[in-house]
């Protein structure tokens, strides 16, 4: 049993809070998990070396780096969708609480564009050789409702202008939207042999500074 409020626990208790339901129902367990993760992220943000200690027996440096990155994001949050038990034969069936779900989406996901239907698929290719260029573009576009399905290097690092290529006429509107979002980029339309995997291809040029969109 852990008292309510802020407290310091051993690694064993921390693990138990995350993987063992204990007393109470699944909803209370979910709240405990959220509280634990919030505390872990706050601690890692304040002292990144904690990530190495948490993952010294599994995950490795890459996982520790990922945890530090997540903890350092200003908009990182741990939350659960507001739900209530649903009238169903299933004992654990739940449904969103109608008068609270809109507020939840506005508060927690207001920075995202939620699209109706399938999300446009994009690939982002590094055409300038600078580390972080594709990540910067991906971050911007994911927040606007696009789905990044591939990142890679372009055929050369000599691109000065960013190219936004619509893969077929049906994707032209998506490509134009991307150019508007980024504020730069040359728009092209591929009609002879459009990709069947992505809707838009982006080749990042030197007009996109590292770490900026």
N, C-alpha and C. Protein backbone atom coordinates (compact mmCIF):
# COMPACT_ATOMS: atom_id res chain seq x y z
N UNK A 1 0.85 -1.19 0.00
CA UNK A 1 0.00 0.00 0.00
C UNK A 1 0.89 1.26 0.00
N UNK A 2 0.59 2.18 -0.88
CA UNK A 2 1.33 3.43 -0.97
C UNK A 2 0.39 4.56 -0.60
N UNK A 3 0.83 5.40 0.32
CA UNK A 3 -0.02 6.51 0.75
C UNK A 3 -0.27 7.48 -0.40
N UNK A 4 -1.41 8.15 -0.37
CA UNK A 4 -1.73 9.15 -1.39
C UNK A 4 -0.77 10.32 -1.29
N UNK A 5 -0.55 10.97 -2.43
CA UNK A 5 0.34 12.12 -2.46
C UNK A 5 1.73 11.75 -2.93
N UNK A 6 2.64 12.72 -2.81
CA UNK A 6 4.01 12.52 -3.27
C UNK A 6 4.77 11.64 -2.29
N UNK A 7 5.46 10.63 -2.82
CA UNK A 7 6.24 9.76 -1.96
C UNK A 7 7.40 9.17 -2.76
N UNK A 8 8.39 8.66 -2.06
CA UNK A 8 9.53 8.02 -2.69
C UNK A 8 9.44 6.53 -2.46
N UNK A 9 9.55 5.75 -3.56
CA UNK A 9 9.39 4.30 -3.44
C UNK A 9 10.61 3.61 -4.04
N UNK A 10 10.76 2.35 -3.72
CA UNK A 10 11.87 1.55 -4.24
C UNK A 10 11.57 1.15 -5.68
N UNK A 11 12.60 0.77 -6.45
CA UNK A 11 12.35 0.29 -7.82
C UNK A 11 11.37 -0.86 -7.89
N UNK A 12 11.40 -1.74 -6.88
CA UNK A 12 10.48 -2.88 -6.86
C UNK A 12 9.04 -2.43 -6.74
N UNK A 13 8.79 -1.47 -5.87
CA UNK A 13 7.43 -0.94 -5.72
C UNK A 13 7.01 -0.20 -6.98
N UNK A 14 7.92 0.54 -7.58
CA UNK A 14 7.63 1.26 -8.81
C UNK A 14 7.18 0.30 -9.90
N UNK A 15 7.91 -0.80 -10.05
CA UNK A 15 7.55 -1.81 -11.05
C UNK A 15 6.19 -2.41 -10.74
N UNK A 16 5.93 -2.69 -9.47
CA UNK A 16 4.66 -3.28 -9.07
C UNK A 16 3.49 -2.37 -9.40
N UNK A 17 3.67 -1.07 -9.21
CA UNK A 17 2.59 -0.13 -9.51
C UNK A 17 2.24 -0.13 -10.99
N UNK A 18 3.21 -0.43 -11.84
CA UNK A 18 2.98 -0.42 -13.28
C UNK A 18 2.40 -1.73 -13.81
N UNK A 19 2.76 -2.84 -13.20
CA UNK A 19 2.40 -4.14 -13.79
C UNK A 19 1.41 -4.96 -12.96
N UNK A 20 1.09 -4.51 -11.76
CA UNK A 20 0.18 -5.28 -10.91
C UNK A 20 -1.05 -4.44 -10.58
N UNK A 21 -2.22 -4.99 -10.85
CA UNK A 21 -3.45 -4.22 -10.61
C UNK A 21 -3.69 -3.97 -9.13
N UNK A 22 -3.47 -4.98 -8.30
CA UNK A 22 -3.68 -4.79 -6.87
C UNK A 22 -5.14 -4.55 -6.53
N UNK A 23 -5.39 -3.82 -5.45
CA UNK A 23 -6.76 -3.54 -5.03
C UNK A 23 -7.40 -2.52 -5.96
N UNK A 24 -8.71 -2.54 -6.03
CA UNK A 24 -9.42 -1.59 -6.87
C UNK A 24 -9.67 -2.15 -8.26
N UNK A 25 -10.38 -1.37 -9.08
CA UNK A 25 -10.73 -1.83 -10.42
C UNK A 25 -9.69 -1.36 -11.43
N UNK A 26 -9.84 -1.76 -12.71
CA UNK A 26 -8.85 -1.38 -13.73
C UNK A 26 -8.71 0.13 -13.93
N UNK A 27 -9.79 0.88 -13.66
CA UNK A 27 -9.72 2.33 -13.82
C UNK A 27 -8.78 2.95 -12.79
N UNK A 28 -8.86 2.48 -11.56
CA UNK A 28 -7.98 2.98 -10.51
C UNK A 28 -6.53 2.59 -10.80
N UNK A 29 -6.34 1.39 -11.34
CA UNK A 29 -5.00 0.95 -11.71
C UNK A 29 -4.43 1.84 -12.81
N UNK A 30 -5.26 2.20 -13.78
CA UNK A 30 -4.82 3.07 -14.87
C UNK A 30 -4.40 4.44 -14.33
N UNK A 31 -5.13 4.95 -13.34
CA UNK A 31 -4.77 6.23 -12.74
C UNK A 31 -3.41 6.13 -12.03
N UNK A 32 -3.18 5.01 -11.35
CA UNK A 32 -1.89 4.82 -10.68
C UNK A 32 -0.76 4.76 -11.70
N UNK A 33 -0.99 4.06 -12.81
CA UNK A 33 0.03 3.99 -13.84
C UNK A 33 0.35 5.38 -14.40
N UNK A 34 -0.70 6.17 -14.62
CA UNK A 34 -0.49 7.52 -15.13
C UNK A 34 0.33 8.37 -14.17
N UNK A 35 0.04 8.23 -12.87
CA UNK A 35 0.79 8.98 -11.86
C UNK A 35 2.25 8.56 -11.83
N UNK A 36 2.49 7.25 -11.96
CA UNK A 36 3.87 6.76 -11.96
C UNK A 36 4.63 7.29 -13.15
N UNK A 37 4.04 7.22 -14.35
CA UNK A 37 4.75 7.67 -15.55
C UNK A 37 4.99 9.18 -15.52
N UNK A 38 4.04 9.92 -15.00
CA UNK A 38 4.24 11.37 -14.88
C UNK A 38 5.43 11.67 -13.97
N UNK A 39 5.53 10.94 -12.86
CA UNK A 39 6.63 11.14 -11.93
C UNK A 39 7.97 10.74 -12.57
N UNK A 40 7.97 9.62 -13.31
CA UNK A 40 9.20 9.17 -13.96
C UNK A 40 9.67 10.20 -14.99
N UNK A 41 8.76 10.69 -15.82
CA UNK A 41 9.13 11.67 -16.84
C UNK A 41 9.64 12.97 -16.22
N UNK A 42 9.00 13.40 -15.14
CA UNK A 42 9.46 14.62 -14.45
C UNK A 42 10.87 14.42 -13.90
N UNK A 43 11.11 13.23 -13.33
CA UNK A 43 12.43 12.97 -12.75
C UNK A 43 13.51 12.91 -13.83
N UNK A 44 13.20 12.27 -14.96
CA UNK A 44 14.16 12.16 -16.05
C UNK A 44 14.44 13.53 -16.67
N UNK A 45 13.39 14.35 -16.79
CA UNK A 45 13.58 15.70 -17.34
C UNK A 45 14.51 16.52 -16.46
N UNK A 46 14.39 16.35 -15.15
CA UNK A 46 15.22 17.11 -14.22
C UNK A 46 16.64 16.55 -14.12
N UNK A 47 16.77 15.23 -14.30
CA UNK A 47 18.08 14.59 -14.17
C UNK A 47 18.16 13.44 -15.18
N UNK A 48 18.59 13.72 -16.42
CA UNK A 48 18.58 12.72 -17.50
C UNK A 48 19.32 11.43 -17.18
N UNK A 49 20.33 11.47 -16.30
CA UNK A 49 21.09 10.26 -15.99
C UNK A 49 20.19 9.18 -15.39
N UNK A 50 19.05 9.57 -14.85
CA UNK A 50 18.12 8.59 -14.28
C UNK A 50 17.67 7.60 -15.34
N UNK A 51 17.55 8.06 -16.60
CA UNK A 51 17.12 7.17 -17.67
C UNK A 51 18.07 5.99 -17.83
N UNK A 52 19.36 6.24 -17.71
CA UNK A 52 20.34 5.15 -17.81
C UNK A 52 20.18 4.17 -16.65
N UNK A 53 19.91 4.69 -15.48
CA UNK A 53 19.74 3.82 -14.31
C UNK A 53 18.48 2.97 -14.43
N UNK A 54 17.42 3.56 -14.98
CA UNK A 54 16.17 2.82 -15.12
C UNK A 54 16.28 1.70 -16.14
N UNK A 55 17.13 1.90 -17.16
CA UNK A 55 17.20 0.95 -18.27
C UNK A 55 18.53 0.23 -18.36
N UNK A 56 19.26 0.18 -17.23
CA UNK A 56 20.59 -0.42 -17.28
C UNK A 56 20.55 -1.92 -17.50
N UNK A 57 19.42 -2.56 -17.24
CA UNK A 57 19.32 -4.01 -17.43
C UNK A 57 18.48 -4.38 -18.64
N UNK A 58 18.06 -3.42 -19.38
CA UNK A 58 17.25 -3.72 -20.57
C UNK A 58 16.97 -2.45 -21.34
N UNK A 59 16.92 -2.58 -22.67
CA UNK A 59 16.62 -1.42 -23.49
C UNK A 59 17.86 -0.81 -24.10
N UNK A 60 18.91 -0.61 -23.29
CA UNK A 60 20.15 -0.07 -23.81
C UNK A 60 20.13 1.43 -24.00
N UNK A 61 21.23 1.98 -24.52
CA UNK A 61 21.37 3.44 -24.68
C UNK A 61 20.29 4.06 -25.55
N UNK A 62 19.87 3.35 -26.60
CA UNK A 62 18.86 3.91 -27.50
C UNK A 62 17.55 4.15 -26.76
N UNK A 63 17.15 3.20 -25.91
CA UNK A 63 15.92 3.36 -25.14
C UNK A 63 16.06 4.49 -24.13
N UNK A 64 17.22 4.61 -23.52
CA UNK A 64 17.45 5.68 -22.56
C UNK A 64 17.37 7.04 -23.26
N UNK A 65 17.97 7.14 -24.44
CA UNK A 65 17.92 8.39 -25.20
C UNK A 65 16.48 8.75 -25.55
N UNK A 66 15.70 7.74 -25.93
CA UNK A 66 14.30 7.97 -26.27
C UNK A 66 13.52 8.48 -25.06
N UNK A 67 13.76 7.89 -23.90
CA UNK A 67 13.07 8.32 -22.68
C UNK A 67 13.44 9.76 -22.33
N UNK A 68 14.72 10.12 -22.48
CA UNK A 68 15.16 11.49 -22.21
C UNK A 68 14.49 12.46 -23.18
N UNK A 69 14.40 12.07 -24.45
CA UNK A 69 13.77 12.93 -25.46
C UNK A 69 12.31 13.17 -25.14
N UNK A 70 11.59 12.12 -24.79
CA UNK A 70 10.17 12.25 -24.46
C UNK A 70 9.99 13.13 -23.22
N UNK A 71 10.80 12.88 -22.21
CA UNK A 71 10.67 13.64 -20.97
C UNK A 71 10.97 15.11 -21.19
N UNK A 72 11.82 15.43 -22.18
CA UNK A 72 12.21 16.82 -22.41
C UNK A 72 11.24 17.61 -23.25
N UNK A 73 10.22 16.96 -23.81
CA UNK A 73 9.25 17.66 -24.64
C UNK A 73 8.29 18.47 -23.76
N UNK A 74 8.08 19.72 -24.13
CA UNK A 74 7.22 20.59 -23.33
C UNK A 74 5.77 20.14 -23.34
N UNK A 75 5.34 19.49 -24.46
CA UNK A 75 3.93 19.12 -24.56
C UNK A 75 3.68 17.66 -24.20
N UNK A 76 4.67 16.99 -23.60
CA UNK A 76 4.47 15.60 -23.19
C UNK A 76 3.45 15.56 -22.05
N UNK A 77 2.52 14.63 -22.16
CA UNK A 77 1.53 14.49 -21.10
C UNK A 77 1.09 13.05 -20.98
N UNK A 78 0.69 12.67 -19.80
CA UNK A 78 0.15 11.33 -19.56
C UNK A 78 -1.30 11.50 -19.17
N UNK A 79 -2.18 10.91 -19.95
CA UNK A 79 -3.59 11.09 -19.68
C UNK A 79 -4.37 9.89 -20.18
N UNK A 80 -5.53 9.68 -19.63
CA UNK A 80 -6.43 8.62 -20.10
C UNK A 80 -7.73 9.27 -20.57
N UNK A 81 -8.32 8.67 -21.58
CA UNK A 81 -9.58 9.19 -22.11
C UNK A 81 -10.67 9.02 -21.05
N UNK A 82 -11.50 10.05 -20.82
CA UNK A 82 -12.58 9.92 -19.83
C UNK A 82 -13.64 8.93 -20.30
N UNK A 83 -13.78 7.84 -19.57
CA UNK A 83 -14.74 6.80 -19.94
C UNK A 83 -15.58 6.41 -18.73
N UNK A 84 -16.65 5.71 -19.01
CA UNK A 84 -17.51 5.17 -17.97
C UNK A 84 -17.94 3.78 -18.39
N UNK A 85 -18.42 3.01 -17.45
CA UNK A 85 -18.87 1.66 -17.77
C UNK A 85 -20.08 1.73 -18.71
N UNK A 86 -20.03 0.90 -19.74
CA UNK A 86 -21.09 0.92 -20.74
C UNK A 86 -22.12 -0.16 -20.43
N UNK A 87 -23.34 0.10 -20.87
CA UNK A 87 -24.40 -0.89 -20.71
C UNK A 87 -24.14 -2.00 -21.72
N UNK A 88 -23.51 -3.08 -21.26
CA UNK A 88 -23.13 -4.15 -22.16
C UNK A 88 -23.04 -5.44 -21.37
N UNK A 89 -23.10 -6.55 -22.11
CA UNK A 89 -22.99 -7.84 -21.46
C UNK A 89 -21.56 -8.07 -20.96
N UNK A 90 -20.61 -7.41 -21.58
CA UNK A 90 -19.22 -7.55 -21.16
C UNK A 90 -18.97 -6.77 -19.87
N UNK A 91 -18.36 -7.43 -18.91
CA UNK A 91 -18.17 -6.82 -17.60
C UNK A 91 -17.26 -5.60 -17.65
N UNK A 92 -16.27 -5.61 -18.54
CA UNK A 92 -15.30 -4.53 -18.58
C UNK A 92 -15.53 -3.56 -19.73
N UNK A 93 -16.72 -3.57 -20.33
CA UNK A 93 -17.01 -2.68 -21.46
C UNK A 93 -17.09 -1.23 -20.99
N UNK A 94 -16.48 -0.31 -21.75
CA UNK A 94 -16.50 1.09 -21.41
C UNK A 94 -16.85 1.91 -22.63
N UNK A 95 -17.22 3.16 -22.40
CA UNK A 95 -17.55 4.08 -23.49
C UNK A 95 -17.14 5.48 -23.07
N UNK A 96 -16.75 6.35 -24.02
CA UNK A 96 -16.38 7.73 -23.68
C UNK A 96 -17.53 8.46 -23.01
N UNK A 97 -17.20 9.33 -22.07
CA UNK A 97 -18.22 10.14 -21.42
C UNK A 97 -18.54 11.31 -22.33
N UNK A 98 -19.75 11.33 -22.87
CA UNK A 98 -20.12 12.27 -23.91
C UNK A 98 -19.86 13.73 -23.60
N UNK A 99 -20.19 14.19 -22.40
CA UNK A 99 -20.06 15.61 -22.09
C UNK A 99 -18.65 16.00 -21.65
N UNK A 100 -17.71 15.04 -21.65
CA UNK A 100 -16.34 15.34 -21.26
C UNK A 100 -15.33 15.08 -22.38
N UNK A 101 -15.73 14.33 -23.40
CA UNK A 101 -14.76 13.94 -24.41
C UNK A 101 -14.31 15.13 -25.25
N UNK A 102 -15.21 16.07 -25.57
CA UNK A 102 -14.83 17.23 -26.37
C UNK A 102 -13.81 18.09 -25.64
N UNK A 103 -14.03 18.29 -24.35
CA UNK A 103 -13.08 19.06 -23.54
C UNK A 103 -11.73 18.36 -23.47
N UNK A 104 -11.76 17.03 -23.33
CA UNK A 104 -10.52 16.25 -23.28
C UNK A 104 -9.72 16.43 -24.56
N UNK A 105 -10.37 16.30 -25.70
CA UNK A 105 -9.69 16.43 -26.99
C UNK A 105 -9.11 17.82 -27.15
N UNK A 106 -9.88 18.85 -26.77
CA UNK A 106 -9.41 20.23 -26.91
C UNK A 106 -8.19 20.50 -26.04
N UNK A 107 -8.20 19.96 -24.81
CA UNK A 107 -7.11 20.22 -23.87
C UNK A 107 -5.86 19.39 -24.18
N UNK A 108 -6.07 18.11 -24.50
CA UNK A 108 -4.93 17.20 -24.65
C UNK A 108 -4.42 17.09 -26.09
N UNK A 109 -5.30 17.25 -27.06
CA UNK A 109 -4.93 17.04 -28.45
C UNK A 109 -5.16 18.26 -29.31
N UNK A 110 -5.26 19.42 -28.68
CA UNK A 110 -5.54 20.64 -29.43
C UNK A 110 -4.46 21.02 -30.41
N UNK A 111 -3.22 20.52 -30.19
CA UNK A 111 -2.11 20.84 -31.09
C UNK A 111 -2.09 19.94 -32.32
N UNK A 112 -2.99 18.95 -32.36
CA UNK A 112 -3.03 18.03 -33.48
C UNK A 112 -4.20 18.32 -34.39
N UNK A 113 -4.03 18.01 -35.69
CA UNK A 113 -5.13 18.09 -36.63
C UNK A 113 -5.71 16.68 -36.77
N UNK A 114 -6.96 16.53 -36.40
CA UNK A 114 -7.61 15.22 -36.48
C UNK A 114 -8.40 15.17 -37.77
N UNK A 115 -7.97 14.34 -38.68
CA UNK A 115 -8.58 14.27 -40.00
C UNK A 115 -9.70 13.24 -40.04
N UNK A 116 -10.67 13.51 -40.89
CA UNK A 116 -11.73 12.55 -41.15
C UNK A 116 -11.25 11.62 -42.25
N UNK A 117 -11.32 10.33 -42.04
CA UNK A 117 -10.87 9.39 -43.06
C UNK A 117 -9.41 9.03 -42.90
N UNK A 118 -8.85 8.40 -43.92
CA UNK A 118 -7.48 7.90 -43.88
C UNK A 118 -6.48 9.05 -43.92
N UNK A 119 -5.43 8.95 -43.13
CA UNK A 119 -4.40 9.99 -43.08
C UNK A 119 -3.52 9.92 -44.32
N UNK A 120 -3.16 11.08 -44.91
CA UNK A 120 -2.27 11.08 -46.07
C UNK A 120 -0.90 10.51 -45.71
N UNK A 121 -0.39 9.61 -46.54
CA UNK A 121 0.89 8.95 -46.30
C UNK A 121 2.01 9.74 -46.96
N UNK A 122 3.07 9.98 -46.22
CA UNK A 122 4.19 10.75 -46.78
C UNK A 122 5.51 10.04 -46.50
N UNK A 123 6.48 10.27 -47.38
CA UNK A 123 7.86 9.86 -47.13
C UNK A 123 8.70 11.13 -47.14
N UNK A 124 9.72 11.14 -46.28
CA UNK A 124 10.58 12.32 -46.15
C UNK A 124 12.02 11.87 -46.38
N UNK A 125 12.65 12.44 -47.39
CA UNK A 125 14.00 12.07 -47.77
C UNK A 125 14.96 13.22 -47.51
N UNK A 126 16.08 12.92 -46.90
CA UNK A 126 17.09 13.93 -46.58
C UNK A 126 17.90 14.24 -47.83
N UNK A 127 17.72 15.44 -48.36
CA UNK A 127 18.44 15.84 -49.55
C UNK A 127 19.52 16.88 -49.30
N UNK A 128 19.80 17.16 -48.01
CA UNK A 128 20.83 18.16 -47.70
C UNK A 128 21.97 17.63 -46.82
N UNK A 129 21.83 16.41 -46.31
CA UNK A 129 22.90 15.81 -45.52
C UNK A 129 22.98 16.29 -44.09
N UNK A 130 22.07 17.14 -43.68
CA UNK A 130 22.10 17.68 -42.32
C UNK A 130 21.28 16.81 -41.37
N UNK A 131 21.87 16.48 -40.25
CA UNK A 131 21.17 15.68 -39.25
C UNK A 131 20.00 16.48 -38.66
N UNK A 132 18.86 15.86 -38.57
CA UNK A 132 17.71 16.51 -37.95
C UNK A 132 16.74 17.15 -38.92
N UNK A 133 17.10 17.22 -40.20
CA UNK A 133 16.24 17.90 -41.17
C UNK A 133 14.92 17.15 -41.38
N UNK A 134 15.00 15.83 -41.55
CA UNK A 134 13.77 15.07 -41.78
C UNK A 134 12.91 15.01 -40.52
N UNK A 135 13.57 14.96 -39.36
CA UNK A 135 12.82 14.92 -38.10
C UNK A 135 12.01 16.19 -37.91
N UNK A 136 12.61 17.32 -38.25
CA UNK A 136 11.91 18.60 -38.08
C UNK A 136 10.66 18.64 -38.95
N UNK A 137 10.77 18.20 -40.20
CA UNK A 137 9.63 18.20 -41.10
C UNK A 137 8.57 17.20 -40.62
N UNK A 138 9.02 16.02 -40.21
CA UNK A 138 8.09 14.99 -39.74
C UNK A 138 7.28 15.47 -38.54
N UNK A 139 7.95 16.13 -37.61
CA UNK A 139 7.26 16.63 -36.41
C UNK A 139 6.14 17.59 -36.77
N UNK A 140 6.43 18.49 -37.69
CA UNK A 140 5.43 19.48 -38.12
C UNK A 140 4.23 18.81 -38.78
N UNK A 141 4.51 17.88 -39.69
CA UNK A 141 3.43 17.30 -40.49
C UNK A 141 2.60 16.27 -39.71
N UNK A 142 3.24 15.54 -38.81
CA UNK A 142 2.47 14.59 -37.99
C UNK A 142 1.45 15.34 -37.16
N UNK A 143 1.84 16.49 -36.64
CA UNK A 143 0.92 17.30 -35.85
C UNK A 143 -0.26 17.82 -36.70
N UNK A 144 -0.07 17.87 -38.00
CA UNK A 144 -1.12 18.35 -38.88
C UNK A 144 -1.92 17.21 -39.51
N UNK A 145 -1.73 16.00 -39.00
CA UNK A 145 -2.57 14.88 -39.42
C UNK A 145 -1.99 13.99 -40.50
N UNK A 146 -0.74 14.19 -40.90
CA UNK A 146 -0.13 13.34 -41.91
C UNK A 146 0.52 12.11 -41.25
N UNK A 147 0.66 11.05 -42.04
CA UNK A 147 1.26 9.81 -41.55
C UNK A 147 2.59 9.60 -42.25
N UNK A 148 3.68 9.61 -41.48
CA UNK A 148 5.01 9.38 -42.04
C UNK A 148 5.24 7.88 -42.09
N UNK A 149 5.38 7.34 -43.29
CA UNK A 149 5.57 5.90 -43.45
C UNK A 149 7.01 5.54 -43.81
N UNK A 150 7.82 6.54 -44.15
CA UNK A 150 9.20 6.24 -44.54
C UNK A 150 10.07 7.48 -44.44
N UNK A 151 11.27 7.32 -43.89
CA UNK A 151 12.30 8.37 -43.93
C UNK A 151 13.59 7.71 -44.41
N UNK A 152 14.36 8.44 -45.20
CA UNK A 152 15.59 7.88 -45.75
C UNK A 152 16.42 9.03 -46.33
N UNK A 153 17.58 8.70 -46.87
CA UNK A 153 18.38 9.68 -47.59
C UNK A 153 17.92 9.75 -49.04
N UNK A 154 18.01 10.92 -49.62
CA UNK A 154 17.69 11.08 -51.04
C UNK A 154 18.85 10.55 -51.88
N UNK A 155 18.72 10.63 -53.20
CA UNK A 155 19.77 10.12 -54.08
C UNK A 155 21.04 10.95 -54.01
N UNK A 156 20.92 12.18 -53.51
CA UNK A 156 22.08 13.06 -53.35
C UNK A 156 21.79 14.06 -52.24
N UNK A 157 22.83 14.66 -51.69
CA UNK A 157 22.68 15.69 -50.66
C UNK A 157 22.84 17.09 -51.25
N UNK A 158 22.65 17.21 -52.54
CA UNK A 158 22.90 18.48 -53.22
C UNK A 158 21.63 19.30 -53.48
N UNK A 159 20.52 18.93 -52.87
CA UNK A 159 19.28 19.68 -53.08
C UNK A 159 19.32 21.00 -52.31
N UNK A 160 19.09 22.09 -53.01
CA UNK A 160 19.02 23.40 -52.35
C UNK A 160 17.59 23.76 -52.01
N UNK A 161 16.65 23.39 -52.85
CA UNK A 161 15.23 23.66 -52.62
C UNK A 161 14.53 22.38 -52.17
N UNK A 162 13.63 22.50 -51.24
CA UNK A 162 12.81 21.37 -50.83
C UNK A 162 11.79 21.06 -51.92
N UNK A 163 11.68 19.79 -52.28
CA UNK A 163 10.73 19.36 -53.30
C UNK A 163 9.57 18.63 -52.64
N UNK A 164 8.36 18.97 -53.02
CA UNK A 164 7.16 18.31 -52.52
C UNK A 164 6.47 17.69 -53.72
N UNK A 165 6.49 16.37 -53.81
CA UNK A 165 6.03 15.66 -55.00
C UNK A 165 4.72 14.94 -54.71
N UNK A 166 3.66 15.35 -55.39
CA UNK A 166 2.37 14.66 -55.28
C UNK A 166 2.43 13.39 -56.13
N UNK A 167 2.16 12.25 -55.52
CA UNK A 167 2.21 10.99 -56.23
C UNK A 167 0.85 10.70 -56.87
N UNK A 168 0.61 11.38 -57.99
CA UNK A 168 -0.67 11.23 -58.68
C UNK A 168 -1.56 12.44 -58.44
N UNK A 169 -2.50 12.65 -59.36
CA UNK A 169 -3.39 13.82 -59.28
C UNK A 169 -4.23 13.81 -58.02
N UNK A 170 -4.59 12.62 -57.53
CA UNK A 170 -5.44 12.55 -56.34
C UNK A 170 -4.73 13.06 -55.09
N UNK A 171 -3.40 13.14 -55.13
CA UNK A 171 -2.64 13.60 -53.96
C UNK A 171 -2.17 15.04 -54.10
N UNK A 172 -2.56 15.71 -55.17
CA UNK A 172 -2.08 17.07 -55.40
C UNK A 172 -2.51 18.02 -54.28
N UNK A 173 -3.73 17.87 -53.81
CA UNK A 173 -4.22 18.75 -52.75
C UNK A 173 -3.40 18.58 -51.48
N UNK A 174 -2.99 17.33 -51.17
CA UNK A 174 -2.17 17.09 -49.99
C UNK A 174 -0.81 17.78 -50.15
N UNK A 175 -0.22 17.68 -51.34
CA UNK A 175 1.08 18.28 -51.59
C UNK A 175 1.01 19.80 -51.45
N UNK A 176 -0.04 20.40 -51.98
CA UNK A 176 -0.20 21.85 -51.86
C UNK A 176 -0.35 22.25 -50.39
N UNK A 177 -1.07 21.45 -49.64
CA UNK A 177 -1.25 21.73 -48.22
C UNK A 177 0.09 21.69 -47.49
N UNK A 178 0.93 20.73 -47.84
CA UNK A 178 2.24 20.63 -47.21
C UNK A 178 3.10 21.85 -47.50
N UNK A 179 3.09 22.30 -48.75
CA UNK A 179 3.85 23.50 -49.11
C UNK A 179 3.38 24.70 -48.28
N UNK A 180 2.06 24.82 -48.11
CA UNK A 180 1.52 25.93 -47.31
C UNK A 180 1.93 25.81 -45.85
N UNK A 181 1.91 24.58 -45.32
CA UNK A 181 2.28 24.37 -43.92
C UNK A 181 3.75 24.72 -43.69
N UNK A 182 4.61 24.25 -44.58
CA UNK A 182 6.05 24.47 -44.42
C UNK A 182 6.45 25.91 -44.75
N UNK A 183 5.68 26.56 -45.61
CA UNK A 183 6.01 27.93 -45.99
C UNK A 183 7.04 28.02 -47.09
N UNK A 184 7.46 26.90 -47.64
CA UNK A 184 8.40 26.88 -48.75
C UNK A 184 8.36 25.50 -49.40
N UNK A 185 9.04 25.36 -50.51
CA UNK A 185 9.07 24.08 -51.22
C UNK A 185 8.54 24.22 -52.63
N UNK A 186 9.13 23.47 -53.55
CA UNK A 186 8.69 23.47 -54.94
C UNK A 186 7.74 22.30 -55.15
N UNK A 187 6.59 22.58 -55.73
CA UNK A 187 5.55 21.58 -55.90
C UNK A 187 5.70 20.88 -57.25
N UNK A 188 5.68 19.54 -57.22
CA UNK A 188 5.74 18.74 -58.44
C UNK A 188 4.60 17.72 -58.42
N UNK A 189 4.18 17.30 -59.61
CA UNK A 189 3.12 16.30 -59.75
C UNK A 189 3.65 15.12 -60.56
N UNK A 190 3.68 13.94 -59.95
CA UNK A 190 4.13 12.72 -60.63
C UNK A 190 2.90 12.00 -61.19
N UNK A 191 2.80 11.95 -62.50
CA UNK A 191 1.63 11.31 -63.12
C UNK A 191 2.00 10.08 -63.94
N UNK A 192 3.25 9.98 -64.37
CA UNK A 192 3.65 8.84 -65.20
C UNK A 192 3.78 7.56 -64.38
N UNK A 193 4.43 7.64 -63.24
CA UNK A 193 4.63 6.44 -62.42
C UNK A 193 4.50 6.79 -60.95
N UNK A 194 3.29 7.17 -60.52
CA UNK A 194 3.11 7.55 -59.11
C UNK A 194 3.32 6.37 -58.17
N UNK A 195 3.79 6.67 -56.98
CA UNK A 195 4.02 5.64 -55.97
C UNK A 195 2.69 5.05 -55.51
N UNK A 196 2.70 3.77 -55.29
CA UNK A 196 1.51 3.14 -54.72
C UNK A 196 1.60 3.00 -53.22
N UNK A 197 2.72 3.47 -52.66
CA UNK A 197 2.96 3.32 -51.22
C UNK A 197 2.68 4.61 -50.46
N UNK A 198 3.06 5.75 -51.06
CA UNK A 198 2.87 7.03 -50.38
C UNK A 198 2.07 7.97 -51.26
N UNK A 199 1.47 8.98 -50.64
CA UNK A 199 0.72 10.00 -51.36
C UNK A 199 1.61 11.17 -51.76
N UNK A 200 2.56 11.50 -50.90
CA UNK A 200 3.45 12.64 -51.15
C UNK A 200 4.87 12.29 -50.76
N UNK A 201 5.82 12.65 -51.62
CA UNK A 201 7.24 12.49 -51.31
C UNK A 201 7.84 13.87 -51.08
N UNK A 202 8.64 13.99 -50.03
CA UNK A 202 9.28 15.27 -49.70
C UNK A 202 10.79 15.05 -49.68
N UNK A 203 11.49 15.82 -50.47
CA UNK A 203 12.95 15.81 -50.45
C UNK A 203 13.39 17.11 -49.80
N UNK A 204 14.01 17.02 -48.64
CA UNK A 204 14.35 18.19 -47.84
C UNK A 204 15.65 18.81 -48.34
N UNK A 205 15.59 20.08 -48.73
CA UNK A 205 16.78 20.79 -49.22
C UNK A 205 17.41 21.65 -48.15
N UNK A 206 18.39 22.42 -48.57
CA UNK A 206 19.11 23.27 -47.64
C UNK A 206 18.31 24.51 -47.22
N UNK A 207 17.13 24.69 -47.81
CA UNK A 207 16.28 25.82 -47.40
C UNK A 207 15.57 25.53 -46.09
N UNK A 208 15.74 24.33 -45.55
CA UNK A 208 15.19 23.99 -44.23
C UNK A 208 16.34 23.87 -43.24
N UNK A 209 16.54 24.86 -42.37
CA UNK A 209 17.64 24.79 -41.39
C UNK A 209 17.46 23.60 -40.46
N UNK A 210 18.54 23.07 -39.99
CA UNK A 210 18.49 21.92 -39.07
C UNK A 210 17.71 22.29 -37.82
N UNK A 211 16.75 21.41 -37.47
CA UNK A 211 15.99 21.60 -36.25
C UNK A 211 14.87 22.60 -36.39
N UNK A 212 14.63 23.12 -37.61
CA UNK A 212 13.56 24.06 -37.81
C UNK A 212 12.67 23.60 -38.95
N UNK A 213 11.42 24.09 -38.95
CA UNK A 213 10.52 23.73 -40.02
C UNK A 213 10.36 24.85 -41.00
